[in-house]
N, C-alpha and C. Protein backbone atom coordinates (compact mmCIF):
# COMPACT_ATOMS: atom_id res chain seq x y z
N UNK A 1 -14.08 -16.31 -39.67
CA UNK A 1 -14.04 -17.64 -39.28
C UNK A 1 -12.61 -17.98 -39.08
N UNK A 2 -11.38 -18.21 -39.93
CA UNK A 2 -10.18 -18.29 -39.16
C UNK A 2 -9.69 -17.63 -38.06
N UNK A 3 -10.45 -16.76 -37.32
CA UNK A 3 -9.98 -16.20 -36.49
C UNK A 3 -10.33 -16.58 -35.40
N UNK A 4 -11.65 -17.07 -35.07
CA UNK A 4 -12.33 -17.81 -34.37
C UNK A 4 -11.89 -19.27 -34.06
N UNK A 5 -11.46 -20.06 -35.01
CA UNK A 5 -10.74 -21.55 -35.27
C UNK A 5 -9.16 -21.53 -34.69
N UNK A 6 -8.37 -19.92 -34.66
CA UNK A 6 -7.29 -19.99 -34.08
C UNK A 6 -7.50 -19.89 -32.55
N UNK A 7 -8.55 -18.93 -32.49
CA UNK A 7 -8.93 -18.21 -30.72
C UNK A 7 -8.95 -19.28 -30.15
N UNK A 8 -9.62 -20.42 -30.19
CA UNK A 8 -10.46 -21.43 -30.01
C UNK A 8 -9.19 -22.63 -29.98
N UNK A 9 -8.35 -22.66 -31.06
CA UNK A 9 -7.08 -23.44 -30.52
C UNK A 9 -6.40 -23.00 -29.58
N UNK A 10 -6.07 -21.55 -29.87
CA UNK A 10 -4.48 -20.99 -28.58
C UNK A 10 -5.69 -21.41 -27.22
N UNK A 11 -6.99 -21.50 -26.40
CA UNK A 11 -7.34 -21.66 -25.54
C UNK A 11 -7.37 -23.13 -25.49
N UNK A 12 -7.77 -24.08 -26.31
CA UNK A 12 -7.46 -24.91 -25.58
C UNK A 12 -6.14 -25.71 -25.32
N UNK A 13 -5.34 -25.17 -26.20
CA UNK A 13 -3.55 -25.24 -25.62
C UNK A 13 -3.38 -24.54 -24.25
N UNK A 14 -3.46 -23.43 -24.66
CA UNK A 14 -3.59 -22.83 -22.58
C UNK A 14 -4.34 -23.84 -21.50
N UNK A 15 -5.71 -24.12 -21.66
CA UNK A 15 -5.91 -25.25 -20.98
C UNK A 15 -4.95 -26.41 -20.77
N UNK A 16 -4.42 -27.07 -21.62
CA UNK A 16 -4.06 -28.46 -21.43
C UNK A 16 -2.59 -28.00 -20.77
N UNK A 17 -2.13 -26.83 -21.13
CA UNK A 17 -1.13 -26.63 -20.51
C UNK A 17 -1.44 -25.97 -19.00
N UNK A 18 -1.94 -25.20 -18.63
CA UNK A 18 -2.73 -25.39 -17.29
C UNK A 18 -2.72 -26.25 -16.50
N UNK A 19 -3.77 -27.57 -17.17
CA UNK A 19 -3.91 -28.88 -16.59
C UNK A 19 -2.64 -29.68 -16.23
N UNK A 20 -1.35 -29.34 -17.50
CA UNK A 20 -0.44 -30.19 -16.98
C UNK A 20 0.20 -29.44 -15.96
N UNK A 21 0.53 -28.56 -15.59
CA UNK A 21 1.09 -27.43 -14.83
C UNK A 21 0.45 -27.81 -12.92
N UNK A 22 -0.82 -27.67 -13.11
CA UNK A 22 -1.52 -27.84 -11.64
C UNK A 22 -1.19 -29.76 -11.44
N UNK A 23 -1.26 -30.40 -12.43
CA UNK A 23 -0.74 -31.93 -12.20
C UNK A 23 0.48 -32.19 -11.42
N UNK A 24 1.70 -31.43 -12.42
CA UNK A 24 3.01 -31.81 -11.77
C UNK A 24 3.19 -31.21 -10.61
N UNK A 25 2.45 -29.91 -9.84
CA UNK A 25 2.52 -29.24 -8.97
C UNK A 25 1.75 -29.75 -7.71
N UNK A 26 0.98 -31.30 -7.97
CA UNK A 26 -0.10 -32.02 -7.05
C UNK A 26 1.65 -32.89 -6.83
N UNK A 27 1.65 -33.37 -8.12
CA UNK A 27 2.71 -34.59 -7.99
C UNK A 27 3.35 -34.23 -7.37
N UNK A 28 4.23 -32.88 -7.22
CA UNK A 28 5.50 -32.90 -6.28
C UNK A 28 4.68 -32.76 -4.99
N UNK A 29 3.88 -32.18 -4.30
CA UNK A 29 3.30 -31.97 -3.04
C UNK A 29 3.24 -33.55 -2.72
N UNK A 30 2.57 -34.32 -3.35
CA UNK A 30 2.82 -35.95 -2.87
C UNK A 30 4.08 -36.39 -2.75
N UNK A 31 4.82 -35.61 -3.07
CA UNK A 31 6.36 -36.19 -2.99
C UNK A 31 6.72 -35.68 -1.57
N UNK A 32 6.67 -34.29 -0.65
CA UNK A 32 6.59 -33.78 0.05
C UNK A 32 7.76 -32.43 -0.24
N UNK A 33 7.32 -32.18 -1.88
CA UNK A 33 7.87 -30.83 -2.40
C UNK A 33 6.59 -30.00 -2.19
N UNK A 34 7.69 -28.67 -1.99
CA UNK A 34 6.75 -27.51 -2.00
C UNK A 34 7.67 -26.18 -2.84
N UNK A 35 6.77 -25.41 -3.22
CA UNK A 35 7.22 -24.06 -4.45
C UNK A 35 7.55 -23.07 -3.47
N UNK A 36 8.34 -22.22 -4.16
CA UNK A 36 8.71 -21.11 -3.71
C UNK A 36 9.66 -20.58 -3.09
N UNK A 37 10.36 -19.80 -2.32
CA UNK A 37 11.61 -19.10 -2.37
C UNK A 37 11.71 -19.55 -0.71
N UNK A 38 12.86 -19.93 -0.41
CA UNK A 38 12.64 -20.29 1.03
C UNK A 38 12.53 -18.83 2.11
N UNK A 39 12.69 -19.29 3.11
CA UNK A 39 12.64 -18.09 3.95
C UNK A 39 13.99 -17.10 3.99
N UNK A 40 14.08 -15.80 4.17
CA UNK A 40 14.95 -15.10 4.13
C UNK A 40 15.90 -15.18 5.73
N UNK A 41 14.85 -15.39 6.59
CA UNK A 41 15.49 -15.33 8.10
C UNK A 41 14.85 -16.53 8.40
N UNK A 42 15.66 -16.89 9.90
CA UNK A 42 14.69 -18.70 10.64
C UNK A 42 13.94 -17.77 11.74
N UNK A 43 13.25 -18.74 12.44
CA UNK A 43 12.76 -17.98 13.19
C UNK A 43 13.53 -17.19 14.75
N UNK A 44 14.91 -17.85 14.73
CA UNK A 44 15.44 -17.58 15.78
C UNK A 44 15.96 -16.22 15.33
N UNK A 45 16.47 -15.86 14.08
CA UNK A 45 16.69 -14.77 13.72
C UNK A 45 15.74 -13.12 13.64
N UNK A 46 14.40 -13.72 13.39
CA UNK A 46 12.77 -13.34 13.53
C UNK A 46 12.74 -12.80 15.20
N UNK A 47 13.23 -13.52 15.93
CA UNK A 47 13.28 -13.27 17.22
C UNK A 47 13.92 -12.22 17.68
N UNK A 48 15.39 -12.75 17.65
CA UNK A 48 16.81 -11.30 17.27
C UNK A 48 16.30 -10.16 17.19
N UNK A 49 15.65 -10.44 15.93
CA UNK A 49 15.89 -8.85 15.05
C UNK A 49 14.42 -8.06 15.97
N UNK A 50 13.47 -9.10 16.47
CA UNK A 50 12.16 -8.41 17.43
C UNK A 50 12.70 -7.90 18.36
N UNK A 51 13.90 -8.19 18.98
CA UNK A 51 14.52 -8.08 20.53
C UNK A 51 15.31 -6.74 20.28
N UNK A 52 15.75 -6.92 19.06
CA UNK A 52 16.91 -5.77 18.44
C UNK A 52 15.95 -4.39 18.57
N UNK A 53 14.77 -4.89 18.33
CA UNK A 53 13.48 -3.49 17.50
C UNK A 53 13.26 -2.67 18.76
N UNK A 54 12.92 -3.91 19.39
CA UNK A 54 11.93 -3.62 21.18
C UNK A 54 12.99 -2.25 21.72
N UNK A 55 14.25 -2.92 21.95
CA UNK A 55 15.41 -2.30 22.90
C UNK A 55 15.41 -0.63 22.89
N UNK A 56 15.28 -0.21 23.90
CA UNK A 56 15.72 1.14 23.80
C UNK A 56 16.28 1.82 24.45
N UNK A 57 17.00 3.19 24.76
CA UNK A 57 18.03 3.47 25.20
C UNK A 57 17.32 4.33 26.42
N UNK A 58 18.34 4.84 26.93
CA UNK A 58 18.02 6.11 28.35
C UNK A 58 17.03 7.10 27.99
N UNK A 59 16.78 7.24 27.07
CA UNK A 59 16.11 8.40 26.49
C UNK A 59 14.66 7.68 26.03
N UNK A 60 14.85 6.43 26.16
CA UNK A 60 13.22 6.08 25.28
C UNK A 60 13.24 5.60 23.80
N UNK A 61 14.55 6.10 23.02
CA UNK A 61 14.38 5.66 22.00
C UNK A 61 15.07 4.68 21.48
N UNK A 62 14.74 4.02 20.14
CA UNK A 62 14.92 2.59 19.73
C UNK A 62 17.01 2.82 19.51
N UNK A 63 17.22 1.83 19.86
CA UNK A 63 18.66 1.52 20.08
C UNK A 63 19.30 1.72 18.78
N UNK A 64 18.69 0.49 17.62
CA UNK A 64 18.32 0.31 16.45
C UNK A 64 18.13 0.27 15.48
N UNK A 65 18.06 1.16 14.06
CA UNK A 65 17.40 1.68 13.35
C UNK A 65 17.20 0.19 12.50
N UNK A 66 16.00 0.56 11.97
CA UNK A 66 15.48 -0.90 11.08
C UNK A 66 16.63 -1.10 10.08
N UNK A 67 17.36 0.21 9.28
CA UNK A 67 18.52 0.24 8.19
C UNK A 67 19.30 -0.93 9.29
N UNK A 68 19.70 -0.81 10.24
CA UNK A 68 20.77 -1.25 11.09
C UNK A 68 20.29 -2.86 11.37
N UNK A 69 19.07 -3.23 11.62
CA UNK A 69 18.54 -4.60 11.72
C UNK A 69 18.97 -5.37 10.58
N UNK A 70 18.65 -4.63 9.57
CA UNK A 70 18.77 -5.09 8.14
C UNK A 70 19.92 -5.43 7.75
N UNK A 71 20.59 -4.74 8.27
CA UNK A 71 22.65 -4.99 7.70
C UNK A 71 22.53 -6.22 8.99
N UNK A 72 22.34 -6.36 9.80
CA UNK A 72 22.81 -7.11 10.73
C UNK A 72 22.41 -8.58 9.98
N UNK A 73 21.59 -8.88 8.99
CA UNK A 73 20.95 -10.13 8.77
C UNK A 73 21.31 -10.18 7.39
N UNK A 74 21.85 -9.07 6.71
CA UNK A 74 21.86 -8.86 5.75
C UNK A 74 20.75 -9.47 4.48
N UNK A 75 19.65 -8.46 4.64
CA UNK A 75 18.36 -8.62 4.10
C UNK A 75 17.67 -7.00 4.41
N UNK A 76 16.80 -6.84 2.98
CA UNK A 76 16.30 -5.71 3.26
C UNK A 76 14.97 -5.33 4.20
N UNK A 77 15.14 -3.60 4.40
CA UNK A 77 14.38 -2.62 5.06
C UNK A 77 12.97 -3.73 5.56
N UNK A 78 12.70 -4.21 4.50
CA UNK A 78 11.08 -4.72 3.87
C UNK A 78 10.98 -5.89 4.55
N UNK A 79 12.31 -6.50 4.60
CA UNK A 79 11.73 -8.14 5.06
C UNK A 79 11.67 -7.81 6.36
N UNK A 80 12.57 -7.05 6.82
CA UNK A 80 12.44 -6.70 8.30
C UNK A 80 10.84 -6.45 8.86
N UNK A 81 10.61 -5.42 8.16
CA UNK A 81 8.78 -5.09 8.46
C UNK A 81 8.23 -6.01 7.73
N UNK A 82 7.97 -6.71 7.03
CA UNK A 82 7.06 -8.22 7.23
C UNK A 82 7.47 -9.15 8.11
N UNK A 83 8.77 -9.38 8.55
CA UNK A 83 8.76 -10.25 9.63
C UNK A 83 8.22 -9.93 10.88
N UNK A 84 8.22 -8.49 11.33
CA UNK A 84 8.01 -7.69 12.91
C UNK A 84 6.31 -7.52 12.70
N UNK A 85 5.80 -7.19 11.06
CA UNK A 85 4.54 -7.35 11.07
C UNK A 85 4.32 -8.49 11.46
N UNK A 86 4.36 -9.54 10.81
CA UNK A 86 3.87 -10.62 10.94
C UNK A 86 3.72 -11.29 12.22
N UNK A 87 5.04 -11.43 13.01
CA UNK A 87 5.43 -11.49 14.56
C UNK A 87 4.48 -10.58 15.49
N UNK A 88 3.85 -9.44 15.04
CA UNK A 88 2.94 -8.65 15.74
C UNK A 88 1.74 -9.21 15.89
N UNK A 89 1.33 -9.45 14.55
CA UNK A 89 -0.34 -9.82 14.43
C UNK A 89 -0.40 -11.34 15.10
N UNK A 90 0.84 -12.12 15.02
CA UNK A 90 0.85 -13.44 15.26
C UNK A 90 0.56 -13.45 17.09
N UNK A 91 1.36 -12.67 17.71
CA UNK A 91 1.25 -12.47 18.60
C UNK A 91 0.32 -11.70 19.59
N UNK A 92 -0.24 -10.91 19.11
CA UNK A 92 -1.43 -9.55 19.30
C UNK A 92 -2.71 -10.16 19.71
């Protein structure tokens, strides 16, 4: 019996915390705030990265590797992949 009471109390506490968090997020959105990390690349940088990625040399091979492109913008290769993939799906 005591475990049942403790688990119900714990569940109620979790619900109260969750409700408070949701109210806080809603209040922040109403004030024009948004959560999350800012994007690593601007739209202009994404366009430049796409141009670098698409540029071919005379043999038909890419002029820049993803590592070189990532180094140019001081981000990881994964960030470049993610932005190029998103760009492909939005224009495709």
